[in-house]
Amino acid sequence: MEARYQLRHSPRTGCPGLPRLGNSSASLPEGQTRIAYAAWVRAATHILTVRDVDVAVTYKAVKYLRMRVVGAEGLVRVSAPLGVSLEEVRGFVEANADWLERARGKVMTRMHGPAPLVDGGEVKLWGKRCDLRVQEAQRPNARLAGGVIHVEGPSEDARRRALDELYRKELAPVAEEMIERWEPRVGRRVSRVRLRRMTSRWGGGTWTHVQGADE
């Protein structure tokens, strides 16, 4: 399954007709009809380079410019409406270059897995970076002391599980507080709470199930 981030944008111009192809790697054979030209434009993929990143642009029968980052290598793809020039596509990508850099970093990190837990490194707790101390030990354990997270265990997997358990301990009282606050407002009671690591930055909840992430 591909990890992906998407960004959608309404073009500034609604120019009729087909797009100007600029420096496309392909060229339209002479004598083609407008219908054949439209079919060729839709089938062709045009490559733009923005901040040393190759962006694959495909024209489709869509209303919005849509940029997405997919795959372990953080490939960048843009779907563009017919009638939007490559210059406008480039401007769209450049205007969202900061978003693109963050999205590529998140996708590649997620596809390759979390960074190893190393002594002197950092991990996040409540969205903030905390110093990390790692030690070999027979029994896995993780604790927070003075803003520093201490993790012990016989292996990387054991230490990762201990860190996840620490996250659960941090989340549990916050979840209980939120439940106490919202139960009277909605007139329903929560029968069970379950916390688990999410593979993307979202959370969902029902009256029998509450999910959370370490951030």
Protein backbone atom coordinates (compact mmCIF):
# COMPACT_ATOMS: atom_id res chain seq x y z
CA MET A 1 0.00 0.00 0.00
CA GLU A 2 1.33 3.40 -0.96
CA ALA A 3 1.64 6.16 1.59
CA ARG A 4 0.56 9.40 -0.03
CA TYR A 5 -0.10 13.07 0.63
CA GLN A 6 -2.33 15.13 -1.66
CA LEU A 7 -2.81 18.84 -2.26
CA ARG A 8 -5.57 20.27 -4.46
CA HIS A 9 -5.71 23.69 -6.10
CA SER A 10 -8.20 25.50 -8.31
CA PRO A 11 -6.41 26.97 -11.34
CA ARG A 12 -6.21 30.75 -11.50
CA THR A 13 -7.21 30.75 -15.13
CA GLY A 14 -10.00 28.91 -16.85
CA CYS A 15 -8.48 29.29 -20.31
CA PRO A 16 -10.34 27.30 -22.93
CA GLY A 17 -8.73 24.85 -25.29
CA LEU A 18 -5.74 22.62 -24.78
CA PRO A 19 -2.62 23.38 -22.79
CA ARG A 20 0.57 24.82 -24.17
CA LEU A 21 3.10 22.04 -23.85
CA GLY A 22 6.23 24.15 -23.52
CA ASN A 23 9.35 21.96 -23.31
CA SER A 24 7.51 18.64 -23.31
CA SER A 25 9.73 15.66 -24.07
CA ALA A 26 7.21 14.55 -26.73
CA SER A 27 5.99 16.39 -29.86
CA LEU A 28 2.70 16.24 -31.71
CA PRO A 29 2.98 14.77 -35.24
CA GLU A 30 1.93 17.15 -38.00
CA GLY A 31 -1.54 16.83 -39.46
CA GLN A 32 -3.26 15.54 -36.33
CA THR A 33 -6.81 16.67 -35.64
CA ARG A 34 -7.82 18.55 -32.50
CA ILE A 35 -9.42 15.37 -31.11
CA ALA A 36 -6.22 13.43 -31.72
CA TYR A 37 -4.27 16.27 -30.12
CA ALA A 38 -6.49 16.12 -27.01
CA ALA A 39 -6.01 12.36 -26.76
CA TRP A 40 -2.25 12.75 -27.11
CA VAL A 41 -2.10 15.45 -24.42
CA ARG A 42 -4.02 13.25 -22.00
CA ALA A 43 -1.77 10.25 -22.65
CA ALA A 44 1.54 12.12 -22.44
CA THR A 45 3.46 12.66 -19.20
CA HIS A 46 5.46 15.87 -18.97
CA ILE A 47 8.40 16.28 -16.59
CA LEU A 48 9.07 19.51 -14.73
CA THR A 49 12.05 20.00 -12.41
CA VAL A 50 11.37 22.20 -9.38
CA ARG A 51 14.06 22.61 -6.69
CA ASP A 52 15.91 19.58 -8.09
CA VAL A 53 12.78 17.43 -7.78
CA ASP A 54 11.26 15.85 -10.90
CA VAL A 55 7.51 16.36 -11.12
CA ALA A 56 5.47 14.14 -13.46
CA VAL A 57 2.55 16.11 -14.95
CA THR A 58 -0.42 14.35 -16.55
CA TYR A 59 -3.37 16.16 -18.15
CA LYS A 60 -6.80 14.80 -17.30
CA ALA A 61 -10.48 15.74 -17.46
CA VAL A 62 -10.42 17.23 -13.95
CA LYS A 63 -11.33 20.62 -12.47
CA TYR A 64 -8.43 21.08 -10.09
CA LEU A 65 -4.67 20.86 -10.06
CA ARG A 66 -3.79 18.00 -7.73
CA MET A 67 -0.29 17.24 -6.48
CA ARG A 68 0.50 14.02 -4.66
CA VAL A 69 3.57 12.31 -3.26
CA VAL A 70 3.65 8.53 -3.52
CA GLY A 71 5.95 5.57 -2.98
CA ALA A 72 9.00 4.97 -0.86
CA GLU A 73 11.09 7.33 -3.02
CA GLY A 74 8.66 10.23 -2.61
CA LEU A 75 7.68 10.46 -6.28
CA VAL A 76 5.79 13.66 -7.14
CA ARG A 77 2.84 13.56 -9.53
CA VAL A 78 0.53 16.36 -10.66
CA SER A 79 -2.83 15.90 -12.37
CA ALA A 80 -3.70 19.05 -14.35
CA PRO A 81 -6.92 20.11 -16.12
CA LEU A 82 -6.85 20.52 -19.88
CA GLY A 83 -6.40 24.19 -20.62
CA VAL A 84 -3.82 24.82 -17.89
CA SER A 85 -0.31 25.57 -19.14
CA LEU A 86 2.84 23.93 -17.85
CA GLU A 87 3.92 27.38 -16.67
CA GLU A 88 0.92 27.53 -14.32
CA VAL A 89 1.61 23.99 -13.14
CA ARG A 90 5.19 25.02 -12.36
CA GLY A 91 3.93 28.04 -10.45
CA PHE A 92 1.56 25.82 -8.46
CA VAL A 93 4.41 23.46 -7.53
CA GLU A 94 6.78 26.31 -6.65
CA ALA A 95 4.15 28.06 -4.52
CA ASN A 96 3.70 24.85 -2.52
CA ALA A 97 7.37 23.83 -2.41
CA ASP A 98 7.50 23.91 1.40
CA TRP A 99 4.45 21.62 1.64
CA LEU A 100 6.02 19.34 -0.96
CA GLU A 101 9.27 19.05 1.00
CA ARG A 102 7.43 18.16 4.21
CA ALA A 103 5.16 15.68 2.45
CA ARG A 104 8.07 13.90 0.75
CA GLY A 105 9.88 13.61 4.06
CA LYS A 106 6.82 12.17 5.80
CA VAL A 107 6.07 9.68 3.02
CA MET A 108 9.64 8.40 2.82
CA THR A 109 9.93 8.13 6.61
CA ARG A 110 6.66 6.24 6.82
CA MET A 111 7.51 3.86 4.01
CA HIS A 112 10.95 3.07 5.37
CA GLY A 113 9.79 2.84 8.99
CA PRO A 114 10.77 4.88 12.05
CA ALA A 115 14.37 5.77 12.75
CA PRO A 116 16.21 3.43 15.19
CA LEU A 117 16.17 4.36 18.86
CA VAL A 118 19.72 5.48 19.65
CA ASP A 119 21.24 6.84 22.83
CA GLY A 120 21.55 10.62 22.58
CA GLY A 121 18.86 10.80 19.90
CA GLU A 122 15.38 12.31 20.04
CA VAL A 123 11.79 11.12 19.99
CA LYS A 124 8.51 13.01 20.02
CA LEU A 125 6.05 13.23 22.89
CA TRP A 126 2.94 15.39 22.53
CA GLY A 127 4.41 16.79 19.32
CA LYS A 128 7.60 18.02 21.03
CA ARG A 129 11.07 16.54 20.71
CA CYS A 130 12.52 14.92 23.84
CA ASP A 131 16.07 13.76 24.44
CA LEU A 132 16.40 9.99 24.39
CA ARG A 133 18.56 7.75 26.54
CA VAL A 134 18.82 4.11 25.49
CA GLN A 135 20.28 1.25 27.54
CA GLU A 136 20.55 -2.50 27.14
CA ALA A 137 18.54 -4.35 29.77
CA GLN A 138 16.92 -7.73 30.26
CA ARG A 139 13.43 -6.34 30.76
CA PRO A 140 11.96 -3.66 28.46
CA ASN A 141 10.92 -0.41 30.12
CA ALA A 142 10.40 3.24 29.22
CA ARG A 143 9.89 6.24 31.48
CA LEU A 144 9.83 10.01 31.31
CA ALA A 145 12.04 11.90 33.77
CA GLY A 146 12.90 15.59 33.66
CA GLY A 147 11.91 15.93 30.02
CA VAL A 148 14.14 13.00 29.02
CA ILE A 149 12.76 9.66 27.85
CA HIS A 150 14.69 6.63 29.11
CA VAL A 151 14.20 3.39 27.18
CA GLU A 152 15.62 0.00 28.15
CA GLY A 153 15.36 -3.46 26.64
CA PRO A 154 17.23 -6.40 25.14
CA SER A 155 16.51 -5.47 21.49
CA GLU A 156 15.30 -2.67 19.23
CA ASP A 157 11.84 -4.24 18.93
CA ALA A 158 11.53 -4.64 22.71
CA ARG A 159 12.56 -1.03 23.30
CA ARG A 160 10.12 0.16 20.63
CA ARG A 161 7.28 -1.73 22.35
CA ALA A 162 8.28 -0.19 25.68
CA LEU A 163 8.19 3.28 24.13
CA ASP A 164 4.74 2.59 22.68
CA GLU A 165 3.57 1.54 26.15
CA LEU A 166 4.85 4.84 27.55
CA TYR A 167 2.84 6.68 24.89
CA ARG A 168 -0.25 4.74 25.94
CA LYS A 169 0.29 5.66 29.58
CA GLU A 170 0.59 9.32 28.60
CA LEU A 171 -2.52 9.20 26.43
CA ALA A 172 -4.81 7.26 28.78
CA PRO A 173 -5.51 10.00 31.39
CA VAL A 174 -6.01 12.58 28.66
CA ALA A 175 -8.53 10.31 26.93
CA GLU A 176 -10.36 9.78 30.22
CA GLU A 177 -10.52 13.52 30.84
CA MET A 178 -11.94 14.13 27.36
CA ILE A 179 -14.51 11.37 27.85
CA GLU A 180 -15.65 12.84 31.16
CA ARG A 181 -15.99 16.23 29.52
CA TRP A 182 -17.95 15.09 26.47
CA GLU A 183 -20.18 12.28 27.76
CA PRO A 184 -22.65 14.68 29.46
CA ARG A 185 -22.76 16.92 26.41
CA VAL A 186 -23.72 14.18 23.96
CA GLY A 187 -25.76 12.08 26.37
CA ARG A 188 -23.88 8.85 25.67
CA ARG A 189 -21.41 6.74 27.64
CA VAL A 190 -18.14 5.23 26.43
CA SER A 191 -17.96 1.51 27.17
CA ARG A 192 -14.38 0.87 26.07
CA VAL A 193 -11.22 2.76 25.14
CA ARG A 194 -8.45 1.29 23.02
CA LEU A 195 -5.25 3.13 22.10
CA ARG A 196 -3.11 2.02 19.20
CA ARG A 197 -0.33 3.31 16.96
CA MET A 198 -1.64 4.86 13.75
CA THR A 199 0.13 4.54 10.40
CA SER A 200 -0.97 7.99 9.23
CA ARG A 201 -1.72 11.32 10.85
CA TRP A 202 -5.40 10.86 11.64
CA GLY A 203 -7.51 9.58 14.48
CA GLY A 204 -11.02 8.25 14.62
CA GLY A 205 -13.42 7.57 17.41
CA THR A 206 -16.75 5.90 18.11
CA TRP A 207 -18.60 5.38 21.38
CA THR A 208 -16.91 2.01 21.81
CA HIS A 209 -13.53 2.79 20.32
CA VAL A 210 -11.08 5.64 20.74
CA GLN A 211 -7.85 5.71 18.74
CA GLY A 212 -4.71 7.80 19.26
CA ALA A 213 -1.24 8.44 17.90
CA ASP A 214 2.03 9.30 19.63
CA GLU A 215 1.91 12.82 18.19
